[in-house]
Amino acid sequence: ELLLHDFEKNYHMYVYPVHWQFHQ
């Protein structure tokens, strides 16, 4: 529940890590 809330509240923090892993 906290992880979901944080993703919705601080969405921009999670975009780059997801892209970064793909390109790794």
PDB file of all heavy atoms in Angstrom:
ATOM      1  N   GLU A   1       0.830  -1.209   0.000  1.00  0.00           N
ATOM      2  CA  GLU A   1       0.000   0.000   0.000  1.00  0.00           C
ATOM      3  C   GLU A   1       0.863   1.258   0.000  1.00  0.00           C
ATOM      4  O   GLU A   1       0.569   2.229  -0.705  1.00  0.00           O
ATOM      5  CB  GLU A   1      -0.926   0.018   1.233  1.00  0.00           C
ATOM      6  CG  GLU A   1      -1.992  -1.054   1.245  1.00  0.00           C
ATOM      7  CD  GLU A   1      -1.474  -2.420   1.685  1.00  0.00           C
ATOM      8  OE1 GLU A   1      -0.339  -2.485   2.220  1.00  0.00           O
ATOM      9  OE2 GLU A   1      -2.198  -3.410   1.481  1.00  0.00           O
ATOM     10  N   LEU A   2       1.957   1.222   0.783  1.00  0.00           N
ATOM     11  CA  LEU A   2       2.865   2.371   0.833  1.00  0.00           C
ATOM     12  C   LEU A   2       3.615   2.526  -0.485  1.00  0.00           C
ATOM     13  O   LEU A   2       3.810   3.644  -0.975  1.00  0.00           O
ATOM     14  CB  LEU A   2       3.861   2.209   1.993  1.00  0.00           C
ATOM     15  CG  LEU A   2       4.885   3.340   2.173  1.00  0.00           C
ATOM     16  CD1 LEU A   2       4.180   4.680   2.349  1.00  0.00           C
ATOM     17  CD2 LEU A   2       5.792   3.062   3.377  1.00  0.00           C
ATOM     18  N   LEU A   3       4.039   1.398  -1.071  1.00  0.00           N
ATOM     19  CA  LEU A   3       4.759   1.446  -2.350  1.00  0.00           C
ATOM     20  C   LEU A   3       3.856   2.015  -3.447  1.00  0.00           C
ATOM     21  O   LEU A   3       4.306   2.803  -4.281  1.00  0.00           O
ATOM     22  CB  LEU A   3       5.240   0.047  -2.743  1.00  0.00           C
ATOM     23  CG  LEU A   3       6.344  -0.570  -1.873  1.00  0.00           C
ATOM     24  CD1 LEU A   3       6.612  -2.003  -2.319  1.00  0.00           C
ATOM     25  CD2 LEU A   3       7.625   0.256  -1.964  1.00  0.00           C
ATOM     26  N   LEU A   4       2.593   1.615  -3.451  1.00  0.00           N
ATOM     27  CA  LEU A   4       1.641   2.118  -4.443  1.00  0.00           C
ATOM     28  C   LEU A   4       1.392   3.610  -4.239  1.00  0.00           C
ATOM     29  O   LEU A   4       1.398   4.390  -5.204  1.00  0.00           O
ATOM     30  CB  LEU A   4       0.324   1.343  -4.348  1.00  0.00           C
ATOM     31  CG  LEU A   4      -0.768   1.741  -5.350  1.00  0.00           C
ATOM     32  CD1 LEU A   4      -0.272   1.568  -6.787  1.00  0.00           C
ATOM     33  CD2 LEU A   4      -2.032   0.931  -5.119  1.00  0.00           C
ATOM     34  N   HIS A   5       1.221   4.009  -2.997  1.00  0.00           N
ATOM     35  CA  HIS A   5       0.988   5.429  -2.679  1.00  0.00           C
ATOM     36  C   HIS A   5       2.185   6.272  -3.109  1.00  0.00           C
ATOM     37  O   HIS A   5       2.019   7.345  -3.705  1.00  0.00           O
ATOM     38  CB  HIS A   5       0.739   5.595  -1.176  1.00  0.00           C
ATOM     39  CG  HIS A   5       0.630   7.022  -0.746  1.00  0.00           C
ATOM     40  ND1 HIS A   5      -0.470   7.804  -1.037  1.00  0.00           N
ATOM     41  CD2 HIS A   5       1.511   7.830  -0.065  1.00  0.00           C
ATOM     42  CE1 HIS A   5      -0.281   9.029  -0.552  1.00  0.00           C
ATOM     43  NE2 HIS A   5       0.909   9.064   0.032  1.00  0.00           N
ATOM     44  N   ASP A   6       3.395   5.780  -2.834  1.00  0.00           N
ATOM     45  CA  ASP A   6       4.593   6.537  -3.177  1.00  0.00           C
ATOM     46  C   ASP A   6       4.760   6.636  -4.692  1.00  0.00           C
ATOM     47  O   ASP A   6       5.192   7.673  -5.205  1.00  0.00           O
ATOM     48  CB  ASP A   6       5.834   5.885  -2.564  1.00  0.00           C
ATOM     49  CG  ASP A   6       7.049   6.791  -2.644  1.00  0.00           C
ATOM     50  OD1 ASP A   6       7.016   7.885  -2.033  1.00  0.00           O
ATOM     51  OD2 ASP A   6       8.026   6.433  -3.339  1.00  0.00           O
ATOM     52  N   PHE A   7       4.414   5.578  -5.411  1.00  0.00           N
ATOM     53  CA  PHE A   7       4.518   5.595  -6.870  1.00  0.00           C
ATOM     54  C   PHE A   7       3.562   6.635  -7.457  1.00  0.00           C
ATOM     55  O   PHE A   7       3.933   7.391  -8.363  1.00  0.00           O
ATOM     56  CB  PHE A   7       4.209   4.211  -7.442  1.00  0.00           C
ATOM     57  CG  PHE A   7       4.242   4.155  -8.943  1.00  0.00           C
ATOM     58  CD1 PHE A   7       5.404   4.422  -9.655  1.00  0.00           C
ATOM     59  CD2 PHE A   7       3.094   3.822  -9.659  1.00  0.00           C
ATOM     60  CE1 PHE A   7       5.432   4.368 -11.048  1.00  0.00           C
ATOM     61  CE2 PHE A   7       3.115   3.769 -11.042  1.00  0.00           C
ATOM     62  CZ  PHE A   7       4.281   4.046 -11.739  1.00  0.00           C
ATOM     63  N   GLU A   8       2.358   6.696  -6.909  1.00  0.00           N
ATOM     64  CA  GLU A   8       1.379   7.662  -7.401  1.00  0.00           C
ATOM     65  C   GLU A   8       1.766   9.093  -7.036  1.00  0.00           C
ATOM     66  O   GLU A   8       1.583  10.022  -7.823  1.00  0.00           O
ATOM     67  CB  GLU A   8      -0.008   7.325  -6.837  1.00  0.00           C
ATOM     68  CG  GLU A   8      -0.578   6.021  -7.387  1.00  0.00           C
ATOM     69  CD  GLU A   8      -1.829   5.559  -6.666  1.00  0.00           C
ATOM     70  OE1 GLU A   8      -2.152   6.138  -5.599  1.00  0.00           O
ATOM     71  OE2 GLU A   8      -2.486   4.624  -7.165  1.00  0.00           O
ATOM     72  N   LYS A   9       2.351   9.256  -5.849  1.00  0.00           N
ATOM     73  CA  LYS A   9       2.709  10.591  -5.354  1.00  0.00           C
ATOM     74  C   LYS A   9       4.023  11.088  -5.961  1.00  0.00           C
ATOM     75  O   LYS A   9       4.166  12.274  -6.274  1.00  0.00           O
ATOM     76  CB  LYS A   9       2.827  10.530  -3.827  1.00  0.00           C
ATOM     77  CG  LYS A   9       3.026  11.876  -3.161  1.00  0.00           C
ATOM     78  CD  LYS A   9       3.089  11.708  -1.650  1.00  0.00           C
ATOM     79  CE  LYS A   9       3.395  13.039  -0.974  1.00  0.00           C
ATOM     80  NZ  LYS A   9       3.533  12.866   0.508  1.00  0.00           N
ATOM     81  N   ASN A  10       5.002  10.177  -6.117  1.00  0.00           N
ATOM     82  CA  ASN A  10       6.337  10.561  -6.607  1.00  0.00           C
ATOM     83  C   ASN A  10       6.682   9.793  -7.885  1.00  0.00           C
ATOM     84  O   ASN A  10       7.784   9.280  -8.029  1.00  0.00           O
ATOM     85  CB  ASN A  10       7.389  10.299  -5.524  1.00  0.00           C
ATOM     86  CG  ASN A  10       7.142  11.107  -4.271  1.00  0.00           C
ATOM     87  OD1 ASN A  10       7.030  12.330  -4.336  1.00  0.00           O
ATOM     88  ND2 ASN A  10       7.038  10.442  -3.137  1.00  0.00           N
ATOM     89  N   TYR A  11       5.728   9.755  -8.796  1.00  0.00           N
ATOM     90  CA  TYR A  11       5.858   8.997 -10.040  1.00  0.00           C
ATOM     91  C   TYR A  11       7.173   9.278 -10.775  1.00  0.00           C
ATOM     92  O   TYR A  11       7.846   8.361 -11.262  1.00  0.00           O
ATOM     93  CB  TYR A  11       4.658   9.327 -10.929  1.00  0.00           C
ATOM     94  CG  TYR A  11       4.763   8.829 -12.348  1.00  0.00           C
ATOM     95  CD1 TYR A  11       4.472   7.505 -12.668  1.00  0.00           C
ATOM     96  CD2 TYR A  11       5.134   9.695 -13.388  1.00  0.00           C
ATOM     97  CE1 TYR A  11       4.549   7.047 -13.978  1.00  0.00           C
ATOM     98  CE2 TYR A  11       5.218   9.239 -14.697  1.00  0.00           C
ATOM     99  CZ  TYR A  11       4.932   7.921 -14.981  1.00  0.00           C
ATOM    100  OH  TYR A  11       5.027   7.471 -16.274  1.00  0.00           O
ATOM    101  N   HIS A  12       7.563  10.559 -10.846  1.00  0.00           N
ATOM    102  CA  HIS A  12       8.748  10.957 -11.622  1.00  0.00           C
ATOM    103  C   HIS A  12      10.028  10.294 -11.134  1.00  0.00           C
ATOM    104  O   HIS A  12      10.977  10.133 -11.893  1.00  0.00           O
ATOM    105  CB  HIS A  12       8.914  12.478 -11.582  1.00  0.00           C
ATOM    106  CG  HIS A  12       9.133  13.015 -10.199  1.00  0.00           C
ATOM    107  ND1 HIS A  12       8.099  13.164  -9.287  1.00  0.00           N
ATOM    108  CD2 HIS A  12      10.264  13.412  -9.555  1.00  0.00           C
ATOM    109  CE1 HIS A  12       8.581  13.641  -8.150  1.00  0.00           C
ATOM    110  NE2 HIS A  12       9.881  13.797  -8.281  1.00  0.00           N
ATOM    111  N   MET A  13      10.076   9.865  -9.864  1.00  0.00           N
ATOM    112  CA  MET A  13      11.285   9.226  -9.321  1.00  0.00           C
ATOM    113  C   MET A  13      11.497   7.817  -9.872  1.00  0.00           C
ATOM    114  O   MET A  13      12.596   7.286  -9.803  1.00  0.00           O
ATOM    115  CB  MET A  13      11.207   9.126  -7.789  1.00  0.00           C
ATOM    116  CG  MET A  13      11.373  10.428  -7.059  1.00  0.00           C
ATOM    117  SD  MET A  13      11.650  10.089  -5.301  1.00  0.00           S
ATOM    118  CE  MET A  13      11.119  11.634  -4.588  1.00  0.00           C
ATOM    119  N   TYR A  14      10.453   7.212 -10.389  1.00  0.00           N
ATOM    120  CA  TYR A  14      10.526   5.810 -10.803  1.00  0.00           C
ATOM    121  C   TYR A  14      10.732   5.639 -12.305  1.00  0.00           C
ATOM    122  O   TYR A  14      11.031   4.536 -12.762  1.00  0.00           O
ATOM    123  CB  TYR A  14       9.242   5.085 -10.385  1.00  0.00           C
ATOM    124  CG  TYR A  14       9.100   4.965  -8.885  1.00  0.00           C
ATOM    125  CD1 TYR A  14       8.421   5.938  -8.148  1.00  0.00           C
ATOM    126  CD2 TYR A  14       9.657   3.891  -8.193  1.00  0.00           C
ATOM    127  CE1 TYR A  14       8.303   5.840  -6.769  1.00  0.00           C
ATOM    128  CE2 TYR A  14       9.537   3.782  -6.813  1.00  0.00           C
ATOM    129  CZ  TYR A  14       8.858   4.762  -6.109  1.00  0.00           C
ATOM    130  OH  TYR A  14       8.751   4.661  -4.745  1.00  0.00           O
ATOM    131  N   VAL A  15      10.549   6.713 -13.076  1.00  0.00           N
ATOM    132  CA  VAL A  15      10.643   6.603 -14.530  1.00  0.00           C
ATOM    133  C   VAL A  15      12.065   6.250 -14.969  1.00  0.00           C
ATOM    134  O   VAL A  15      12.276   5.282 -15.716  1.00  0.00           O
ATOM    135  CB  VAL A  15      10.173   7.909 -15.206  1.00  0.00           C
ATOM    136  CG1 VAL A  15      10.353   7.812 -16.721  1.00  0.00           C
ATOM    137  CG2 VAL A  15       8.715   8.185 -14.865  1.00  0.00           C
ATOM    138  N   TYR A  16      13.039   7.019 -14.500  1.00  0.00           N
ATOM    139  CA  TYR A  16      14.413   6.788 -14.953  1.00  0.00           C
ATOM    140  C   TYR A  16      14.950   5.411 -14.545  1.00  0.00           C
ATOM    141  O   TYR A  16      15.561   4.724 -15.386  1.00  0.00           O
ATOM    142  CB  TYR A  16      15.363   7.883 -14.471  1.00  0.00           C
ATOM    143  CG  TYR A  16      16.773   7.662 -14.957  1.00  0.00           C
ATOM    144  CD1 TYR A  16      17.079   7.791 -16.312  1.00  0.00           C
ATOM    145  CD2 TYR A  16      17.787   7.262 -14.080  1.00  0.00           C
ATOM    146  CE1 TYR A  16      18.357   7.540 -16.781  1.00  0.00           C
ATOM    147  CE2 TYR A  16      19.073   7.013 -14.551  1.00  0.00           C
ATOM    148  CZ  TYR A  16      19.347   7.158 -15.896  1.00  0.00           C
ATOM    149  OH  TYR A  16      20.610   6.905 -16.363  1.00  0.00           O
ATOM    150  N   PRO A  17      14.763   4.951 -13.294  1.00  0.00           N
ATOM    151  CA  PRO A  17      15.268   3.616 -12.934  1.00  0.00           C
ATOM    152  C   PRO A  17      14.739   2.495 -13.836  1.00  0.00           C
ATOM    153  O   PRO A  17      15.475   1.564 -14.174  1.00  0.00           O
ATOM    154  CB  PRO A  17      14.786   3.434 -11.488  1.00  0.00           C
ATOM    155  CG  PRO A  17      14.717   4.823 -10.950  1.00  0.00           C
ATOM    156  CD  PRO A  17      14.242   5.656 -12.107  1.00  0.00           C
ATOM    157  N   VAL A  18      13.467   2.599 -14.253  1.00  0.00           N
ATOM    158  CA  VAL A  18      12.887   1.574 -15.137  1.00  0.00           C
ATOM    159  C   VAL A  18      13.547   1.630 -16.512  1.00  0.00           C
ATOM    160  O   VAL A  18      13.917   0.605 -17.084  1.00  0.00           O
ATOM    161  CB  VAL A  18      11.352   1.762 -15.249  1.00  0.00           C
ATOM    162  CG1 VAL A  18      10.770   0.879 -16.350  1.00  0.00           C
ATOM    163  CG2 VAL A  18      10.680   1.419 -13.918  1.00  0.00           C
ATOM    164  N   HIS A  19      13.737   2.844 -17.044  1.00  0.00           N
ATOM    165  CA  HIS A  19      14.416   3.002 -18.336  1.00  0.00           C
ATOM    166  C   HIS A  19      15.871   2.539 -18.244  1.00  0.00           C
ATOM    167  O   HIS A  19      16.385   1.870 -19.147  1.00  0.00           O
ATOM    168  CB  HIS A  19      14.376   4.469 -18.782  1.00  0.00           C
ATOM    169  CG  HIS A  19      13.043   4.901 -19.290  1.00  0.00           C
ATOM    170  ND1 HIS A  19      12.725   6.209 -19.557  1.00  0.00           N
ATOM    171  CD2 HIS A  19      11.919   4.188 -19.572  1.00  0.00           C
ATOM    172  CE1 HIS A  19      11.485   6.291 -20.001  1.00  0.00           C
ATOM    173  NE2 HIS A  19      10.971   5.073 -20.002  1.00  0.00           N
ATOM    174  N   TRP A  20      16.515   2.906 -17.146  1.00  0.00           N
ATOM    175  CA  TRP A  20      17.933   2.556 -16.947  1.00  0.00           C
ATOM    176  C   TRP A  20      18.137   1.042 -16.980  1.00  0.00           C
ATOM    177  O   TRP A  20      19.045   0.550 -17.643  1.00  0.00           O
ATOM    178  CB  TRP A  20      18.418   3.127 -15.614  1.00  0.00           C
ATOM    179  CG  TRP A  20      19.752   2.608 -15.175  1.00  0.00           C
ATOM    180  CD1 TRP A  20      20.982   3.025 -15.589  1.00  0.00           C
ATOM    181  CD2 TRP A  20      19.993   1.558 -14.225  1.00  0.00           C
ATOM    182  NE1 TRP A  20      21.974   2.310 -14.961  1.00  0.00           N
ATOM    183  CE2 TRP A  20      21.397   1.400 -14.122  1.00  0.00           C
ATOM    184  CE3 TRP A  20      19.159   0.745 -13.446  1.00  0.00           C
ATOM    185  CZ2 TRP A  20      21.970   0.453 -13.274  1.00  0.00           C
ATOM    186  CZ3 TRP A  20      19.735  -0.192 -12.607  1.00  0.00           C
ATOM    187  CH2 TRP A  20      21.131  -0.330 -12.535  1.00  0.00           C
ATOM    188  N   GLN A  21      17.282   0.290 -16.283  1.00  0.00           N
ATOM    189  CA  GLN A  21      17.441  -1.162 -16.247  1.00  0.00           C
ATOM    190  C   GLN A  21      17.257  -1.780 -17.628  1.00  0.00           C
ATOM    191  O   GLN A  21      17.986  -2.703 -18.007  1.00  0.00           O
ATOM    192  CB  GLN A  21      16.457  -1.795 -15.262  1.00  0.00           C
ATOM    193  CG  GLN A  21      16.552  -3.305 -15.145  1.00  0.00           C
ATOM    194  CD  GLN A  21      17.900  -3.775 -14.606  1.00  0.00           C
ATOM    195  OE1 GLN A  21      18.131  -3.824 -13.415  1.00  0.00           O
ATOM    196  NE2 GLN A  21      18.817  -4.127 -15.501  1.00  0.00           N
ATOM    197  N   PHE A  22      16.296  -1.252 -18.392  1.00  0.00           N
ATOM    198  CA  PHE A  22      16.092  -1.765 -19.751  1.00  0.00           C
ATOM    199  C   PHE A  22      17.364  -1.612 -20.575  1.00  0.00           C
ATOM    200  O   PHE A  22      17.820  -2.560 -21.226  1.00  0.00           O
ATOM    201  CB  PHE A  22      14.936  -1.023 -20.434  1.00  0.00           C
ATOM    202  CG  PHE A  22      14.610  -1.549 -21.808  1.00  0.00           C
ATOM    203  CD1 PHE A  22      13.636  -2.522 -21.981  1.00  0.00           C
ATOM    204  CD2 PHE A  22      15.286  -1.073 -22.934  1.00  0.00           C
ATOM    205  CE1 PHE A  22      13.335  -3.012 -23.247  1.00  0.00           C
ATOM    206  CE2 PHE A  22      14.999  -1.567 -24.200  1.00  0.00           C
ATOM    207  CZ  PHE A  22      14.018  -2.538 -24.362  1.00  0.00           C
ATOM    208  N   HIS A  23      17.958  -0.429 -20.524  1.00  0.00           N
ATOM    209  CA  HIS A  23      19.143  -0.171 -21.351  1.00  0.00           C
ATOM    210  C   HIS A  23      20.392  -0.876 -20.820  1.00  0.00           C
ATOM    211  O   HIS A  23      21.330  -1.118 -21.570  1.00  0.00           O
ATOM    212  CB  HIS A  23      19.358   1.333 -21.505  1.00  0.00           C
ATOM    213  CG  HIS A  23      18.277   1.984 -22.307  1.00  0.00           C
ATOM    214  ND1 HIS A  23      18.100   1.728 -23.650  1.00  0.00           N
ATOM    215  CD2 HIS A  23      17.277   2.828 -21.955  1.00  0.00           C
ATOM    216  CE1 HIS A  23      17.061   2.413 -24.093  1.00  0.00           C
ATOM    217  NE2 HIS A  23      16.538   3.079 -23.082  1.00  0.00           N
ATOM    218  N   GLN A  24      20.398  -1.235 -19.536  1.00  0.00           N
ATOM    219  CA  GLN A  24      21.485  -2.052 -18.989  1.00  0.00           C
ATOM    220  C   GLN A  24      21.467  -3.449 -19.601  1.00  0.00           C
ATOM    221  O   GLN A  24      22.504  -4.078 -19.784  1.00  0.00           O
ATOM    222  CB  GLN A  24      21.349  -2.169 -17.459  1.00  0.00           C
ATOM    223  CG  GLN A  24      21.694  -0.921 -16.689  1.00  0.00           C
ATOM    224  CD  GLN A  24      23.182  -0.584 -16.781  1.00  0.00           C
ATOM    225  OE1 GLN A  24      23.574   0.355 -17.462  1.00  0.00           O
ATOM    226  NE2 GLN A  24      24.011  -1.346 -16.115  1.00  0.00           N
TER     227      GLN A  24
END
